[in-house]
Amino acid sequence: MIIIKRKITGVGSLEGLERDTVVLNREDRRRYRQRIRTTKGIEIGIALPTGTLMQDGDVLYLDNDRYIVVEAEKEDMIVIFPENTIRSAMVAYEIGNRHLPISLKGGNIVTPHDRFIEEFLRKESINYERRREAFEPGRRGDHHG
């Protein structure tokens, strides 16, 4: 078993190396202590410093032959298209009451699917759609990292 004690930063070219991944949902990307298997079956132990968050694309392991990278699992999300600031405030209030995480993308609000939020959006005639996509809570849409 490979033990991961820190994320690898300042990675140069990974060309020519074998790529392996760990596919993690948003909750597992917040767990800095866990035992998991890569998509190629390698068992790894995550023992990152307290409070470390893993994000899509983080390199966890690198040697002369291969690297292991985090892939954010696609999850059932609601993408909300509020028409104005009043509607945005209403949506934010409801999502906050449910203690759900959000991400802002170009004026839209993205949150994990929740049937009560979906009911609220339908009732208030607020435009939204459901999508399966990777979710990085708290990240702004103008972030390119």
C-alpha atoms as a PDB file:
ATOM      1  CA  MET A   1       0.000   0.000   0.000  1.00  0.00           C
ATOM      2  CA  ILE A   2       1.163   3.499  -0.865  1.00  0.00           C
ATOM      3  CA  ILE A   3       0.769   6.076   1.921  1.00  0.00           C
ATOM      4  CA  ILE A   4       0.043   9.634   0.759  1.00  0.00           C
ATOM      5  CA  LYS A   5       1.192  12.229   3.318  1.00  0.00           C
ATOM      6  CA  ARG A   6       0.976  15.349   1.131  1.00  0.00           C
ATOM      7  CA  LYS A   7      -0.213  16.520  -2.256  1.00  0.00           C
ATOM      8  CA  ILE A   8       2.480  16.889  -4.900  1.00  0.00           C
ATOM      9  CA  THR A   9       2.907  20.512  -6.001  1.00  0.00           C
ATOM     10  CA  GLY A  10       5.038  22.094  -8.698  1.00  0.00           C
ATOM     11  CA  VAL A  11       4.620  19.083 -10.958  1.00  0.00           C
ATOM     12  CA  GLY A  12       6.391  19.429 -14.283  1.00  0.00           C
ATOM     13  CA  SER A  13       5.500  17.405 -17.352  1.00  0.00           C
ATOM     14  CA  LEU A  14       3.754  14.098 -16.715  1.00  0.00           C
ATOM     15  CA  GLU A  15       4.119  13.042 -20.328  1.00  0.00           C
ATOM     16  CA  GLY A  16       5.236   9.442 -20.734  1.00  0.00           C
ATOM     17  CA  LEU A  17       4.145   8.439 -17.230  1.00  0.00           C
ATOM     18  CA  GLU A  18       1.305   6.019 -16.532  1.00  0.00           C
ATOM     19  CA  ARG A  19      -1.762   7.871 -15.204  1.00  0.00           C
ATOM     20  CA  ASP A  20      -3.884   6.361 -12.450  1.00  0.00           C
ATOM     21  CA  THR A  21      -6.790   8.059 -10.697  1.00  0.00           C
ATOM     22  CA  VAL A  22      -8.804   8.058  -7.510  1.00  0.00           C
ATOM     23  CA  VAL A  23     -12.385   9.089  -8.231  1.00  0.00           C
ATOM     24  CA  LEU A  24     -13.776  10.878  -5.172  1.00  0.00           C
ATOM     25  CA  ASN A  25     -17.071  12.618  -4.463  1.00  0.00           C
ATOM     26  CA  ARG A  26     -17.128  15.994  -2.709  1.00  0.00           C
ATOM     27  CA  GLU A  27     -17.336  14.433   0.769  1.00  0.00           C
ATOM     28  CA  ASP A  28     -14.425  12.051   0.186  1.00  0.00           C
ATOM     29  CA  ARG A  29     -12.306  14.923  -1.168  1.00  0.00           C
ATOM     30  CA  ARG A  30     -12.682  16.552   2.272  1.00  0.00           C
ATOM     31  CA  ARG A  31     -11.552  13.425   4.151  1.00  0.00           C
ATOM     32  CA  TYR A  32      -7.833  13.729   4.770  1.00  0.00           C
ATOM     33  CA  ARG A  33      -7.617  10.242   6.365  1.00  0.00           C
ATOM     34  CA  GLN A  34      -8.938   7.285   4.358  1.00  0.00           C
ATOM     35  CA  ARG A  35      -8.043   4.059   2.592  1.00  0.00           C
ATOM     36  CA  ILE A  36      -9.056   3.769  -1.058  1.00  0.00           C
ATOM     37  CA  ARG A  37      -8.234   1.989  -4.320  1.00  0.00           C
ATOM     38  CA  THR A  38      -7.213   3.660  -7.534  1.00  0.00           C
ATOM     39  CA  THR A  39      -9.035   2.874 -10.767  1.00  0.00           C
ATOM     40  CA  LYS A  40      -6.187   0.463 -11.571  1.00  0.00           C
ATOM     41  CA  GLY A  41      -6.585  -1.346  -8.242  1.00  0.00           C
ATOM     42  CA  ILE A  42      -3.669   0.054  -6.239  1.00  0.00           C
ATOM     43  CA  GLU A  43      -4.510   0.428  -2.552  1.00  0.00           C
ATOM     44  CA  ILE A  44      -3.499   3.773  -1.094  1.00  0.00           C
ATOM     45  CA  GLY A  45      -3.769   5.272   2.350  1.00  0.00           C
ATOM     46  CA  ILE A  46      -4.516   8.981   2.505  1.00  0.00           C
ATOM     47  CA  ALA A  47      -2.871  10.585   5.557  1.00  0.00           C
ATOM     48  CA  LEU A  48      -2.826  14.264   4.619  1.00  0.00           C
ATOM     49  CA  PRO A  49      -2.324  17.110   7.108  1.00  0.00           C
ATOM     50  CA  THR A  50      -5.461  18.029   9.059  1.00  0.00           C
ATOM     51  CA  GLY A  51      -7.796  20.242   7.055  1.00  0.00           C
ATOM     52  CA  THR A  52      -6.294  19.427   3.656  1.00  0.00           C
ATOM     53  CA  LEU A  53      -8.876  19.414   0.859  1.00  0.00           C
ATOM     54  CA  MET A  54      -8.354  17.456  -2.328  1.00  0.00           C
ATOM     55  CA  GLN A  55      -9.492  19.018  -5.595  1.00  0.00           C
ATOM     56  CA  ASP A  56      -9.977  17.702  -9.090  1.00  0.00           C
ATOM     57  CA  GLY A  57      -6.553  17.430 -10.714  1.00  0.00           C
ATOM     58  CA  ASP A  58      -4.482  17.246  -7.513  1.00  0.00           C
ATOM     59  CA  VAL A  59      -1.503  14.912  -7.904  1.00  0.00           C
ATOM     60  CA  LEU A  60      -1.207  12.623  -4.882  1.00  0.00           C
ATOM     61  CA  TYR A  61       1.656  10.387  -5.957  1.00  0.00           C
ATOM     62  CA  LEU A  62       4.506  10.586  -8.453  1.00  0.00           C
ATOM     63  CA  ASP A  63       7.415   8.274  -9.187  1.00  0.00           C
ATOM     64  CA  ASN A  64       9.546   7.485 -12.246  1.00  0.00           C
ATOM     65  CA  ASP A  65       6.836   5.324 -13.831  1.00  0.00           C
ATOM     66  CA  ARG A  66       3.413   6.634 -12.819  1.00  0.00           C
ATOM     67  CA  TYR A  67       1.357   9.253 -11.064  1.00  0.00           C
ATOM     68  CA  ILE A  68      -1.949   9.191  -9.204  1.00  0.00           C
ATOM     69  CA  VAL A  69      -4.340  12.092  -9.620  1.00  0.00           C
ATOM     70  CA  VAL A  70      -7.666  13.042  -7.994  1.00  0.00           C
ATOM     71  CA  GLU A  71     -10.702  13.001 -10.269  1.00  0.00           C
ATOM     72  CA  ALA A  72     -13.868  14.636  -8.951  1.00  0.00           C
ATOM     73  CA  GLU A  73     -16.801  12.251  -9.289  1.00  0.00           C
ATOM     74  CA  LYS A  74     -19.773  13.521 -11.280  1.00  0.00           C
ATOM     75  CA  GLU A  75     -22.738  14.078  -8.963  1.00  0.00           C
ATOM     76  CA  ASP A  76     -26.413  14.950  -9.342  1.00  0.00           C
ATOM     77  CA  MET A  77     -26.511  18.758  -9.206  1.00  0.00           C
ATOM     78  CA  ILE A  78     -29.025  21.570  -9.617  1.00  0.00           C
ATOM     79  CA  VAL A  79     -27.870  24.545 -11.689  1.00  0.00           C
ATOM     80  CA  ILE A  80     -30.059  27.565 -10.905  1.00  0.00           C
ATOM     81  CA  PHE A  81     -30.487  30.542 -13.243  1.00  0.00           C
ATOM     82  CA  PRO A  82     -31.939  33.370 -11.104  1.00  0.00           C
ATOM     83  CA  GLU A  83     -33.236  36.286 -13.192  1.00  0.00           C
ATOM     84  CA  ASN A  84     -32.331  39.030 -10.719  1.00  0.00           C
ATOM     85  CA  THR A  85     -30.827  39.768  -7.304  1.00  0.00           C
ATOM     86  CA  ILE A  86     -34.158  39.293  -5.492  1.00  0.00           C
ATOM     87  CA  ARG A  87     -34.471  35.784  -6.946  1.00  0.00           C
ATOM     88  CA  SER A  88     -30.807  35.091  -6.125  1.00  0.00           C
ATOM     89  CA  ALA A  89     -31.394  36.153  -2.520  1.00  0.00           C
ATOM     90  CA  MET A  90     -34.486  33.936  -2.253  1.00  0.00           C
ATOM     91  CA  VAL A  91     -32.559  30.939  -3.589  1.00  0.00           C
ATOM     92  CA  ALA A  92     -29.559  31.632  -1.334  1.00  0.00           C
ATOM     93  CA  TYR A  93     -31.853  31.866   1.696  1.00  0.00           C
ATOM     94  CA  GLU A  94     -33.493  28.502   0.944  1.00  0.00           C
ATOM     95  CA  ILE A  95     -30.199  26.751   0.201  1.00  0.00           C
ATOM     96  CA  GLY A  96     -28.685  28.208   3.378  1.00  0.00           C
ATOM     97  CA  ASN A  97     -31.608  26.912   5.433  1.00  0.00           C
ATOM     98  CA  ARG A  98     -30.866  23.420   4.079  1.00  0.00           C
ATOM     99  CA  HIS A  99     -27.144  23.856   4.922  1.00  0.00           C
ATOM    100  CA  LEU A 100     -26.173  22.851   1.391  1.00  0.00           C
ATOM    101  CA  PRO A 101     -22.870  23.876  -0.190  1.00  0.00           C
ATOM    102  CA  ILE A 102     -22.876  26.062  -3.299  1.00  0.00           C
ATOM    103  CA  SER A 103     -20.632  27.084  -6.129  1.00  0.00           C
ATOM    104  CA  LEU A 104     -21.123  30.230  -8.205  1.00  0.00           C
ATOM    105  CA  LYS A 105     -20.664  29.953 -11.970  1.00  0.00           C
ATOM    106  CA  GLY A 106     -21.204  33.034 -14.091  1.00  0.00           C
ATOM    107  CA  GLY A 107     -24.170  34.348 -12.116  1.00  0.00           C
ATOM    108  CA  ASN A 108     -25.661  30.869 -11.693  1.00  0.00           C
ATOM    109  CA  ILE A 109     -25.876  28.947  -8.436  1.00  0.00           C
ATOM    110  CA  VAL A 110     -24.869  25.280  -8.362  1.00  0.00           C
ATOM    111  CA  THR A 111     -25.796  23.017  -5.445  1.00  0.00           C
ATOM    112  CA  PRO A 112     -26.191  19.275  -4.869  1.00  0.00           C
ATOM    113  CA  HIS A 113     -29.618  17.986  -5.794  1.00  0.00           C
ATOM    114  CA  ASP A 114     -32.135  18.309  -2.975  1.00  0.00           C
ATOM    115  CA  ARG A 115     -35.814  17.526  -3.543  1.00  0.00           C
ATOM    116  CA  PHE A 116     -36.967  20.362  -1.271  1.00  0.00           C
ATOM    117  CA  ILE A 117     -34.877  22.908  -3.162  1.00  0.00           C
ATOM    118  CA  GLU A 118     -36.184  21.544  -6.453  1.00  0.00           C
ATOM    119  CA  GLU A 119     -39.773  21.854  -5.163  1.00  0.00           C
ATOM    120  CA  PHE A 120     -39.091  25.444  -4.074  1.00  0.00           C
ATOM    121  CA  LEU A 121     -37.656  26.339  -7.494  1.00  0.00           C
ATOM    122  CA  ARG A 122     -40.667  24.859  -9.298  1.00  0.00           C
ATOM    123  CA  LYS A 123     -43.119  26.583  -6.950  1.00  0.00           C
ATOM    124  CA  GLU A 124     -41.395  29.970  -7.419  1.00  0.00           C
ATOM    125  CA  SER A 125     -40.957  29.453 -11.203  1.00  0.00           C
ATOM    126  CA  ILE A 126     -37.192  29.931 -10.961  1.00  0.00           C
ATOM    127  CA  ASN A 127     -35.320  28.482 -13.941  1.00  0.00           C
ATOM    128  CA  TYR A 128     -33.016  25.559 -13.188  1.00  0.00           C
ATOM    129  CA  GLU A 129     -31.792  22.307 -14.634  1.00  0.00           C
ATOM    130  CA  ARG A 130     -30.384  19.098 -13.238  1.00  0.00           C
ATOM    131  CA  ARG A 131     -26.940  17.999 -14.385  1.00  0.00           C
ATOM    132  CA  ARG A 132     -24.376  15.359 -13.551  1.00  0.00           C
ATOM    133  CA  GLU A 133     -21.097  17.166 -13.024  1.00  0.00           C
ATOM    134  CA  ALA A 134     -18.109  17.397 -10.719  1.00  0.00           C
ATOM    135  CA  PHE A 135     -18.728  19.753  -7.809  1.00  0.00           C
ATOM    136  CA  GLU A 136     -16.191  21.932  -6.034  1.00  0.00           C
ATOM    137  CA  PRO A 137     -18.078  23.693  -3.207  1.00  0.00           C
ATOM    138  CA  GLY A 138     -17.290  27.331  -2.593  1.00  0.00           C
ATOM    139  CA  ARG A 139     -15.411  27.775  -5.839  1.00  0.00           C
ATOM    140  CA  ARG A 140     -16.271  30.727  -8.009  1.00  0.00           C
ATOM    141  CA  GLY A 141     -16.880  30.353 -11.716  1.00  0.00           C
ATOM    142  CA  ASP A 142     -14.056  32.746 -12.571  1.00  0.00           C
ATOM    143  CA  HIS A 143     -11.487  30.456 -10.892  1.00  0.00           C
ATOM    144  CA  HIS A 144      -9.163  28.818 -13.413  1.00  0.00           C
ATOM    145  CA  GLY A 145      -7.094  26.590 -11.125  1.00  0.00           C
END
